[in-house]
């Protein structure tokens, strides 16, 4: 069971606790290097939430009885599975996890971050005319209000409190880039008679998104960009 223990410990560090209950098949599918019979036993006990009982601090005898009652395995197998979960959720491990929770969030809040974005869309004019448009922007931000940002990221931090600063950056960068993609599409096709003046996109076409990012608790330190319409495209 040592390989399983190592796998589950690493899985929790990388994904948090919730997926053990919320996505047991995902946990199982990651056990490709573990004996298939043992992997199936782990899946079975995750589905019955055996791990949750161990995490809450039940005794070895209670856990063995629960496993036998739920899964009709012999006492030797139940004892091995109980030992696995009791070591996984040992006091030492739980103290380590408690201390590490949201360290990545705290680190993220101490730094400045930059998102570099580029976007493309077509301007659709009257009578079927259309021209390719491109734009790019660079956004530098810091965290001004940690509580607001924590609220914005609450569901993700709850699912995995061990997110690293870089992982949090990737989450926010993806959201910001998606906003800019939508902004550009709206800005480019706001008028089907006059082609867009993309040199002004960052100033004119993104102010609502900028307000939204600030509502997340971000301070926009610098936000510049430009764009172009390809009349030969």
C-alpha atoms as a PDB file:
ATOM      1  CA  UNK A   1       0.000   0.000   0.000  1.00  0.00           C
ATOM      2  CA  UNK A   2       3.024   2.309   0.146  1.00  0.00           C
ATOM      3  CA  UNK A   3       2.648   3.279  -3.521  1.00  0.00           C
ATOM      4  CA  UNK A   4      -1.031   4.081  -2.977  1.00  0.00           C
ATOM      5  CA  UNK A   5      -0.244   6.162   0.096  1.00  0.00           C
ATOM      6  CA  UNK A   6       2.375   8.172  -1.800  1.00  0.00           C
ATOM      7  CA  UNK A   7       0.007   8.644  -4.735  1.00  0.00           C
ATOM      8  CA  UNK A   8      -2.877   9.848  -2.543  1.00  0.00           C
ATOM      9  CA  UNK A   9      -0.635  12.196  -0.551  1.00  0.00           C
ATOM     10  CA  UNK A  10       0.664  13.752  -3.778  1.00  0.00           C
ATOM     11  CA  UNK A  11      -2.846  13.895  -5.208  1.00  0.00           C
ATOM     12  CA  UNK A  12      -4.088  15.891  -2.219  1.00  0.00           C
ATOM     13  CA  UNK A  13      -1.160  18.312  -2.429  1.00  0.00           C
ATOM     14  CA  UNK A  14      -1.855  18.887  -6.118  1.00  0.00           C
ATOM     15  CA  UNK A  15      -5.662  18.863  -6.123  1.00  0.00           C
ATOM     16  CA  UNK A  16      -6.937  19.387  -2.591  1.00  0.00           C
ATOM     17  CA  UNK A  17      -9.315  17.119  -0.679  1.00  0.00           C
ATOM     18  CA  UNK A  18     -12.628  17.655  -2.465  1.00  0.00           C
ATOM     19  CA  UNK A  19     -11.846  15.570  -5.531  1.00  0.00           C
ATOM     20  CA  UNK A  20     -11.393  12.464  -3.388  1.00  0.00           C
ATOM     21  CA  UNK A  21     -15.157  12.575  -2.869  1.00  0.00           C
ATOM     22  CA  UNK A  22     -16.190  14.622  -5.896  1.00  0.00           C
ATOM     23  CA  UNK A  23     -14.179  12.787  -8.555  1.00  0.00           C
ATOM     24  CA  UNK A  24     -13.190   9.340  -7.274  1.00  0.00           C
ATOM     25  CA  UNK A  25     -12.994   7.975 -10.822  1.00  0.00           C
ATOM     26  CA  UNK A  26     -10.493  10.700 -11.675  1.00  0.00           C
ATOM     27  CA  UNK A  27      -8.407   9.622  -8.679  1.00  0.00           C
ATOM     28  CA  UNK A  28      -8.689   5.999  -9.820  1.00  0.00           C
ATOM     29  CA  UNK A  29      -7.707   6.801 -13.407  1.00  0.00           C
ATOM     30  CA  UNK A  30      -4.487   8.359 -12.139  1.00  0.00           C
ATOM     31  CA  UNK A  31      -3.409   5.081 -10.495  1.00  0.00           C
ATOM     32  CA  UNK A  32      -2.013   3.614 -13.713  1.00  0.00           C
ATOM     33  CA  UNK A  33       1.219   2.463 -12.076  1.00  0.00           C
ATOM     34  CA  UNK A  34      -0.537   0.773  -9.149  1.00  0.00           C
ATOM     35  CA  UNK A  35      -1.733  -2.838  -9.030  1.00  0.00           C
ATOM     36  CA  UNK A  36      -5.197  -2.763 -10.670  1.00  0.00           C
ATOM     37  CA  UNK A  37      -6.763  -4.836  -7.886  1.00  0.00           C
ATOM     38  CA  UNK A  38      -5.543  -2.412  -5.241  1.00  0.00           C
ATOM     39  CA  UNK A  39      -6.589   0.567  -7.370  1.00  0.00           C
ATOM     40  CA  UNK A  40     -10.113  -0.854  -7.594  1.00  0.00           C
ATOM     41  CA  UNK A  41     -10.233  -1.315  -3.824  1.00  0.00           C
ATOM     42  CA  UNK A  42      -9.223   2.322  -3.372  1.00  0.00           C
ATOM     43  CA  UNK A  43     -11.918   3.427  -5.831  1.00  0.00           C
ATOM     44  CA  UNK A  44     -14.477   1.350  -3.982  1.00  0.00           C
ATOM     45  CA  UNK A  45     -13.564   2.882  -0.614  1.00  0.00           C
ATOM     46  CA  UNK A  46     -13.487   6.404  -2.037  1.00  0.00           C
ATOM     47  CA  UNK A  47     -17.012   5.878  -3.382  1.00  0.00           C
ATOM     48  CA  UNK A  48     -18.163   4.860   0.115  1.00  0.00           C
ATOM     49  CA  UNK A  49     -16.327   7.899   1.577  1.00  0.00           C
ATOM     50  CA  UNK A  50     -14.157   5.757   3.830  1.00  0.00           C
ATOM     51  CA  UNK A  51     -11.501   8.469   3.617  1.00  0.00           C
ATOM     52  CA  UNK A  52     -13.883  11.020   5.112  1.00  0.00           C
ATOM     53  CA  UNK A  53     -14.358   8.851   8.202  1.00  0.00           C
ATOM     54  CA  UNK A  54     -10.591   8.537   8.616  1.00  0.00           C
ATOM     55  CA  UNK A  55     -10.170  12.286   8.163  1.00  0.00           C
ATOM     56  CA  UNK A  56     -12.707  12.941  10.918  1.00  0.00           C
ATOM     57  CA  UNK A  57     -10.717  10.786  13.346  1.00  0.00           C
ATOM     58  CA  UNK A  58     -12.519   7.486  13.781  1.00  0.00           C
ATOM     59  CA  UNK A  59     -10.649   4.575  15.386  1.00  0.00           C
ATOM     60  CA  UNK A  60      -8.990   1.728  13.510  1.00  0.00           C
ATOM     61  CA  UNK A  61     -11.612  -0.776  14.702  1.00  0.00           C
ATOM     62  CA  UNK A  62     -14.449   1.515  13.622  1.00  0.00           C
ATOM     63  CA  UNK A  63     -12.910   1.951  10.192  1.00  0.00           C
ATOM     64  CA  UNK A  64     -12.281  -1.783   9.737  1.00  0.00           C
ATOM     65  CA  UNK A  65     -15.899  -2.567  10.670  1.00  0.00           C
ATOM     66  CA  UNK A  66     -17.176   0.122   8.297  1.00  0.00           C
ATOM     67  CA  UNK A  67     -15.100  -1.203   5.377  1.00  0.00           C
ATOM     68  CA  UNK A  68     -16.238  -4.768   5.988  1.00  0.00           C
ATOM     69  CA  UNK A  69     -19.879  -3.757   6.279  1.00  0.00           C
ATOM     70  CA  UNK A  70     -19.771  -1.626   3.134  1.00  0.00           C
ATOM     71  CA  UNK A  71     -17.653  -3.813   0.888  1.00  0.00           C
ATOM     72  CA  UNK A  72     -17.848  -7.420   2.144  1.00  0.00           C
ATOM     73  CA  UNK A  73     -14.061  -7.851   2.176  1.00  0.00           C
ATOM     74  CA  UNK A  74     -12.195 -10.050   4.626  1.00  0.00           C
ATOM     75  CA  UNK A  75     -10.750  -8.580   7.809  1.00  0.00           C
ATOM     76  CA  UNK A  76      -7.145  -8.669   6.540  1.00  0.00           C
ATOM     77  CA  UNK A  77      -8.034  -6.562   3.493  1.00  0.00           C
ATOM     78  CA  UNK A  78     -10.196  -4.224   5.562  1.00  0.00           C
ATOM     79  CA  UNK A  79      -7.353  -3.762   8.035  1.00  0.00           C
ATOM     80  CA  UNK A  80      -4.883  -2.878   5.242  1.00  0.00           C
ATOM     81  CA  UNK A  81      -7.310  -0.353   3.752  1.00  0.00           C
ATOM     82  CA  UNK A  82      -8.054   1.145   7.174  1.00  0.00           C
ATOM     83  CA  UNK A  83      -4.331   1.497   7.858  1.00  0.00           C
ATOM     84  CA  UNK A  84      -3.884   3.236   4.505  1.00  0.00           C
ATOM     85  CA  UNK A  85      -6.448   5.925   5.283  1.00  0.00           C
ATOM     86  CA  UNK A  86      -5.431   6.367   8.899  1.00  0.00           C
ATOM     87  CA  UNK A  87      -1.821   7.004   7.853  1.00  0.00           C
ATOM     88  CA  UNK A  88      -2.974   9.251   5.010  1.00  0.00           C
ATOM     89  CA  UNK A  89      -4.953  11.360   7.459  1.00  0.00           C
ATOM     90  CA  UNK A  90      -2.519  11.077  10.322  1.00  0.00           C
ATOM     91  CA  UNK A  91      -2.152  13.984  12.711  1.00  0.00           C
ATOM     92  CA  UNK A  92       1.218  14.795  11.161  1.00  0.00           C
ATOM     93  CA  UNK A  93      -0.163  14.965   7.627  1.00  0.00           C
ATOM     94  CA  UNK A  94      -3.196  16.987   8.656  1.00  0.00           C
ATOM     95  CA  UNK A  95      -1.020  19.485  10.507  1.00  0.00           C
ATOM     96  CA  UNK A  96       1.149  19.878   7.396  1.00  0.00           C
ATOM     97  CA  UNK A  97      -1.916  20.453   5.222  1.00  0.00           C
ATOM     98  CA  UNK A  98      -3.390  22.915   7.700  1.00  0.00           C
ATOM     99  CA  UNK A  99      -0.185  24.943   7.764  1.00  0.00           C
ATOM    100  CA  UNK A 100       0.093  24.967   3.966  1.00  0.00           C
ATOM    101  CA  UNK A 101      -3.480  26.025   3.212  1.00  0.00           C
ATOM    102  CA  UNK A 102      -3.629  29.169   1.063  1.00  0.00           C
ATOM    103  CA  UNK A 103       0.112  29.785   1.219  1.00  0.00           C
ATOM    104  CA  UNK A 104      -0.016  30.186  -2.551  1.00  0.00           C
ATOM    105  CA  UNK A 105      -2.775  32.785  -2.267  1.00  0.00           C
ATOM    106  CA  UNK A 106      -0.772  34.753   0.287  1.00  0.00           C
ATOM    107  CA  UNK A 107       2.302  34.630  -1.935  1.00  0.00           C
ATOM    108  CA  UNK A 108       0.248  35.739  -4.937  1.00  0.00           C
ATOM    109  CA  UNK A 109      -1.030  38.782  -3.059  1.00  0.00           C
ATOM    110  CA  UNK A 110       2.531  39.971  -2.393  1.00  0.00           C
ATOM    111  CA  UNK A 111       3.613  40.188  -6.040  1.00  0.00           C
ATOM    112  CA  UNK A 112       2.916  42.163  -9.210  1.00  0.00           C
ATOM    113  CA  UNK A 113       1.758  40.157 -12.219  1.00  0.00           C
ATOM    114  CA  UNK A 114       1.643  40.823 -15.950  1.00  0.00           C
ATOM    115  CA  UNK A 115      -0.726  39.410 -18.558  1.00  0.00           C
ATOM    116  CA  UNK A 116       0.265  39.638 -22.216  1.00  0.00           C
ATOM    117  CA  UNK A 117      -2.682  39.196 -24.561  1.00  0.00           C
ATOM    118  CA  UNK A 118      -3.270  39.142 -28.296  1.00  0.00           C
ATOM    119  CA  UNK A 119      -6.605  38.787 -30.011  1.00  0.00           C
ATOM    120  CA  UNK A 120      -8.075  38.411 -33.475  1.00  0.00           C
ATOM    121  CA  UNK A 121     -11.506  38.815 -35.014  1.00  0.00           C
ATOM    122  CA  UNK A 122     -13.186  39.902 -38.228  1.00  0.00           C
ATOM    123  CA  UNK A 123     -14.966  43.211 -38.672  1.00  0.00           C
ATOM    124  CA  UNK A 124     -18.170  42.533 -40.583  1.00  0.00           C
ATOM    125  CA  UNK A 125     -19.267  45.578 -42.543  1.00  0.00           C
ATOM    126  CA  UNK A 126     -22.238  46.181 -44.796  1.00  0.00           C
ATOM    127  CA  UNK A 127     -22.773  44.148 -47.971  1.00  0.00           C
ATOM    128  CA  UNK A 128     -20.661  41.226 -46.802  1.00  0.00           C
ATOM    129  CA  UNK A 129     -17.457  43.194 -46.463  1.00  0.00           C
ATOM    130  CA  UNK A 130     -15.138  41.961 -43.729  1.00  0.00           C
ATOM    131  CA  UNK A 131     -11.564  42.642 -42.681  1.00  0.00           C
ATOM    132  CA  UNK A 132      -9.299  40.791 -40.229  1.00  0.00           C
ATOM    133  CA  UNK A 133      -8.546  42.727 -37.038  1.00  0.00           C
ATOM    134  CA  UNK A 134      -5.801  42.168 -34.505  1.00  0.00           C
ATOM    135  CA  UNK A 135      -4.959  43.694 -31.146  1.00  0.00           C
ATOM    136  CA  UNK A 136      -2.486  43.187 -28.335  1.00  0.00           C
ATOM    137  CA  UNK A 137      -2.301  44.409 -24.776  1.00  0.00           C
ATOM    138  CA  UNK A 138      -0.121  44.192 -21.709  1.00  0.00           C
ATOM    139  CA  UNK A 139      -1.718  44.433 -18.282  1.00  0.00           C
ATOM    140  CA  UNK A 140       0.233  44.701 -15.036  1.00  0.00           C
ATOM    141  CA  UNK A 141      -1.678  44.353 -11.787  1.00  0.00           C
ATOM    142  CA  UNK A 142      -1.261  43.802  -8.065  1.00  0.00           C
ATOM    143  CA  UNK A 143      -3.678  42.848  -5.298  1.00  0.00           C
ATOM    144  CA  UNK A 144      -5.232  45.862  -3.614  1.00  0.00           C
ATOM    145  CA  UNK A 145      -7.934  44.095  -1.589  1.00  0.00           C
ATOM    146  CA  UNK A 146      -7.152  40.535  -0.489  1.00  0.00           C
ATOM    147  CA  UNK A 147     -10.660  39.926   0.866  1.00  0.00           C
ATOM    148  CA  UNK A 148     -12.291  40.792  -2.457  1.00  0.00           C
ATOM    149  CA  UNK A 149      -9.891  38.591  -4.375  1.00  0.00           C
ATOM    150  CA  UNK A 150     -10.384  35.749  -1.913  1.00  0.00           C
ATOM    151  CA  UNK A 151     -14.139  36.071  -2.404  1.00  0.00           C
ATOM    152  CA  UNK A 152     -13.695  35.972  -6.186  1.00  0.00           C
ATOM    153  CA  UNK A 153     -11.549  32.821  -5.929  1.00  0.00           C
ATOM    154  CA  UNK A 154     -13.531  31.265  -3.086  1.00  0.00           C
ATOM    155  CA  UNK A 155     -14.857  28.216  -4.944  1.00  0.00           C
ATOM    156  CA  UNK A 156     -11.433  27.392  -6.417  1.00  0.00           C
ATOM    157  CA  UNK A 157      -9.631  27.848  -3.095  1.00  0.00           C
ATOM    158  CA  UNK A 158     -12.236  25.706  -1.380  1.00  0.00           C
ATOM    159  CA  UNK A 159     -11.749  22.966  -3.967  1.00  0.00           C
ATOM    160  CA  UNK A 160      -7.968  23.179  -3.678  1.00  0.00           C
ATOM    161  CA  UNK A 161      -6.522  25.316  -0.866  1.00  0.00           C
ATOM    162  CA  UNK A 162      -3.024  24.334  -2.000  1.00  0.00           C
ATOM    163  CA  UNK A 163      -3.119  26.285  -5.259  1.00  0.00           C
ATOM    164  CA  UNK A 164       0.273  27.826  -5.941  1.00  0.00           C
ATOM    165  CA  UNK A 165       0.760  31.503  -6.737  1.00  0.00           C
ATOM    166  CA  UNK A 166       1.442  30.560 -10.356  1.00  0.00           C
ATOM    167  CA  UNK A 167      -1.741  28.485 -10.549  1.00  0.00           C
ATOM    168  CA  UNK A 168      -3.759  31.420  -9.207  1.00  0.00           C
ATOM    169  CA  UNK A 169      -2.107  33.650 -11.798  1.00  0.00           C
ATOM    170  CA  UNK A 170      -3.111  31.213 -14.550  1.00  0.00           C
ATOM    171  CA  UNK A 171      -6.729  31.249 -13.339  1.00  0.00           C
ATOM    172  CA  UNK A 172      -6.909  35.047 -13.343  1.00  0.00           C
ATOM    173  CA  UNK A 173      -4.948  35.412 -16.588  1.00  0.00           C
ATOM    174  CA  UNK A 174      -7.397  33.052 -18.327  1.00  0.00           C
ATOM    175  CA  UNK A 175     -10.355  35.072 -17.043  1.00  0.00           C
ATOM    176  CA  UNK A 176      -8.768  38.370 -18.086  1.00  0.00           C
ATOM    177  CA  UNK A 177      -7.896  37.033 -21.528  1.00  0.00           C
ATOM    178  CA  UNK A 178     -11.445  35.737 -22.007  1.00  0.00           C
ATOM    179  CA  UNK A 179     -12.780  39.191 -21.093  1.00  0.00           C
ATOM    180  CA  UNK A 180     -10.451  40.840 -23.600  1.00  0.00           C
ATOM    181  CA  UNK A 181     -11.514  38.378 -26.314  1.00  0.00           C
ATOM    182  CA  UNK A 182     -15.168  39.279 -25.725  1.00  0.00           C
ATOM    183  CA  UNK A 183     -14.380  42.990 -25.511  1.00  0.00           C
ATOM    184  CA  UNK A 184     -12.558  42.911 -28.811  1.00  0.00           C
ATOM    185  CA  UNK A 185     -15.382  41.090 -30.583  1.00  0.00           C
ATOM    186  CA  UNK A 186     -17.913  43.634 -29.305  1.00  0.00           C
ATOM    187  CA  UNK A 187     -15.658  46.587 -30.048  1.00  0.00           C
ATOM    188  CA  UNK A 188     -14.858  45.445 -33.572  1.00  0.00           C
ATOM    189  CA  UNK A 189     -18.468  44.847 -34.540  1.00  0.00           C
ATOM    190  CA  UNK A 190     -20.195  47.667 -32.710  1.00  0.00           C
ATOM    191  CA  UNK A 191     -20.762  49.439 -36.036  1.00  0.00           C
ATOM    192  CA  UNK A 192     -21.169  47.800 -39.432  1.00  0.00           C
ATOM    193  CA  UNK A 193     -20.566  51.043 -41.309  1.00  0.00           C
ATOM    194  CA  UNK A 194     -17.411  52.433 -39.723  1.00  0.00           C
ATOM    195  CA  UNK A 195     -14.513  50.069 -39.244  1.00  0.00           C
ATOM    196  CA  UNK A 196     -13.100  49.946 -35.690  1.00  0.00           C
ATOM    197  CA  UNK A 197     -10.237  52.171 -34.630  1.00  0.00           C
ATOM    198  CA  UNK A 198      -8.292  49.510 -32.808  1.00  0.00           C
ATOM    199  CA  UNK A 199      -5.544  51.842 -31.629  1.00  0.00           C
ATOM    200  CA  UNK A 200      -8.114  52.996 -29.048  1.00  0.00           C
ATOM    201  CA  UNK A 201      -9.343  49.536 -28.095  1.00  0.00           C
ATOM    202  CA  UNK A 202      -7.601  49.349 -24.715  1.00  0.00           C
ATOM    203  CA  UNK A 203      -8.936  52.748 -23.651  1.00  0.00           C
ATOM    204  CA  UNK A 204     -12.418  52.671 -25.141  1.00  0.00           C
ATOM    205  CA  UNK A 205     -13.326  49.018 -25.423  1.00  0.00           C
ATOM    206  CA  UNK A 206     -12.205  47.588 -22.102  1.00  0.00           C
ATOM    207  CA  UNK A 207     -13.398  49.950 -19.388  1.00  0.00           C
ATOM    208  CA  UNK A 208     -16.180  47.639 -18.157  1.00  0.00           C
ATOM    209  CA  UNK A 209     -13.749  44.760 -17.872  1.00  0.00           C
ATOM    210  CA  UNK A 210     -11.295  46.988 -16.057  1.00  0.00           C
ATOM    211  CA  UNK A 211     -14.024  47.864 -13.548  1.00  0.00           C
ATOM    212  CA  UNK A 212     -14.772  44.167 -13.134  1.00  0.00           C
ATOM    213  CA  UNK A 213     -11.127  43.293 -12.463  1.00  0.00           C
ATOM    214  CA  UNK A 214     -10.960  46.057  -9.893  1.00  0.00           C
ATOM    215  CA  UNK A 215     -14.086  44.614  -8.263  1.00  0.00           C
ATOM    216  CA  UNK A 216     -12.069  41.411  -7.779  1.00  0.00           C
ATOM    217  CA  UNK A 217      -9.671  43.416  -5.611  1.00  0.00           C
ATOM    218  CA  UNK A 218      -7.033  44.037  -8.285  1.00  0.00           C
ATOM    219  CA  UNK A 219      -5.134  47.287  -8.744  1.00  0.00           C
ATOM    220  CA  UNK A 220      -4.432  47.957 -12.430  1.00  0.00           C
ATOM    221  CA  UNK A 221      -0.921  49.367 -12.421  1.00  0.00           C
ATOM    222  CA  UNK A 222      -0.415  49.600 -16.179  1.00  0.00           C
ATOM    223  CA  UNK A 223      -2.629  48.712 -19.133  1.00  0.00           C
ATOM    224  CA  UNK A 224      -1.419  49.484 -22.652  1.00  0.00           C
ATOM    225  CA  UNK A 225      -2.063  48.093 -26.097  1.00  0.00           C
ATOM    226  CA  UNK A 226      -2.681  48.699 -29.749  1.00  0.00           C
ATOM    227  CA  UNK A 227      -4.383  47.118 -32.735  1.00  0.00           C
ATOM    228  CA  UNK A 228      -4.815  47.163 -36.472  1.00  0.00           C
ATOM    229  CA  UNK A 229      -7.265  46.439 -39.278  1.00  0.00           C
ATOM    230  CA  UNK A 230      -5.862  44.474 -42.215  1.00  0.00           C
ATOM    231  CA  UNK A 231      -7.526  46.052 -45.256  1.00  0.00           C
ATOM    232  CA  UNK A 232      -5.683  43.682 -47.569  1.00  0.00           C
ATOM    233  CA  UNK A 233      -6.688  40.548 -45.702  1.00  0.00           C
END
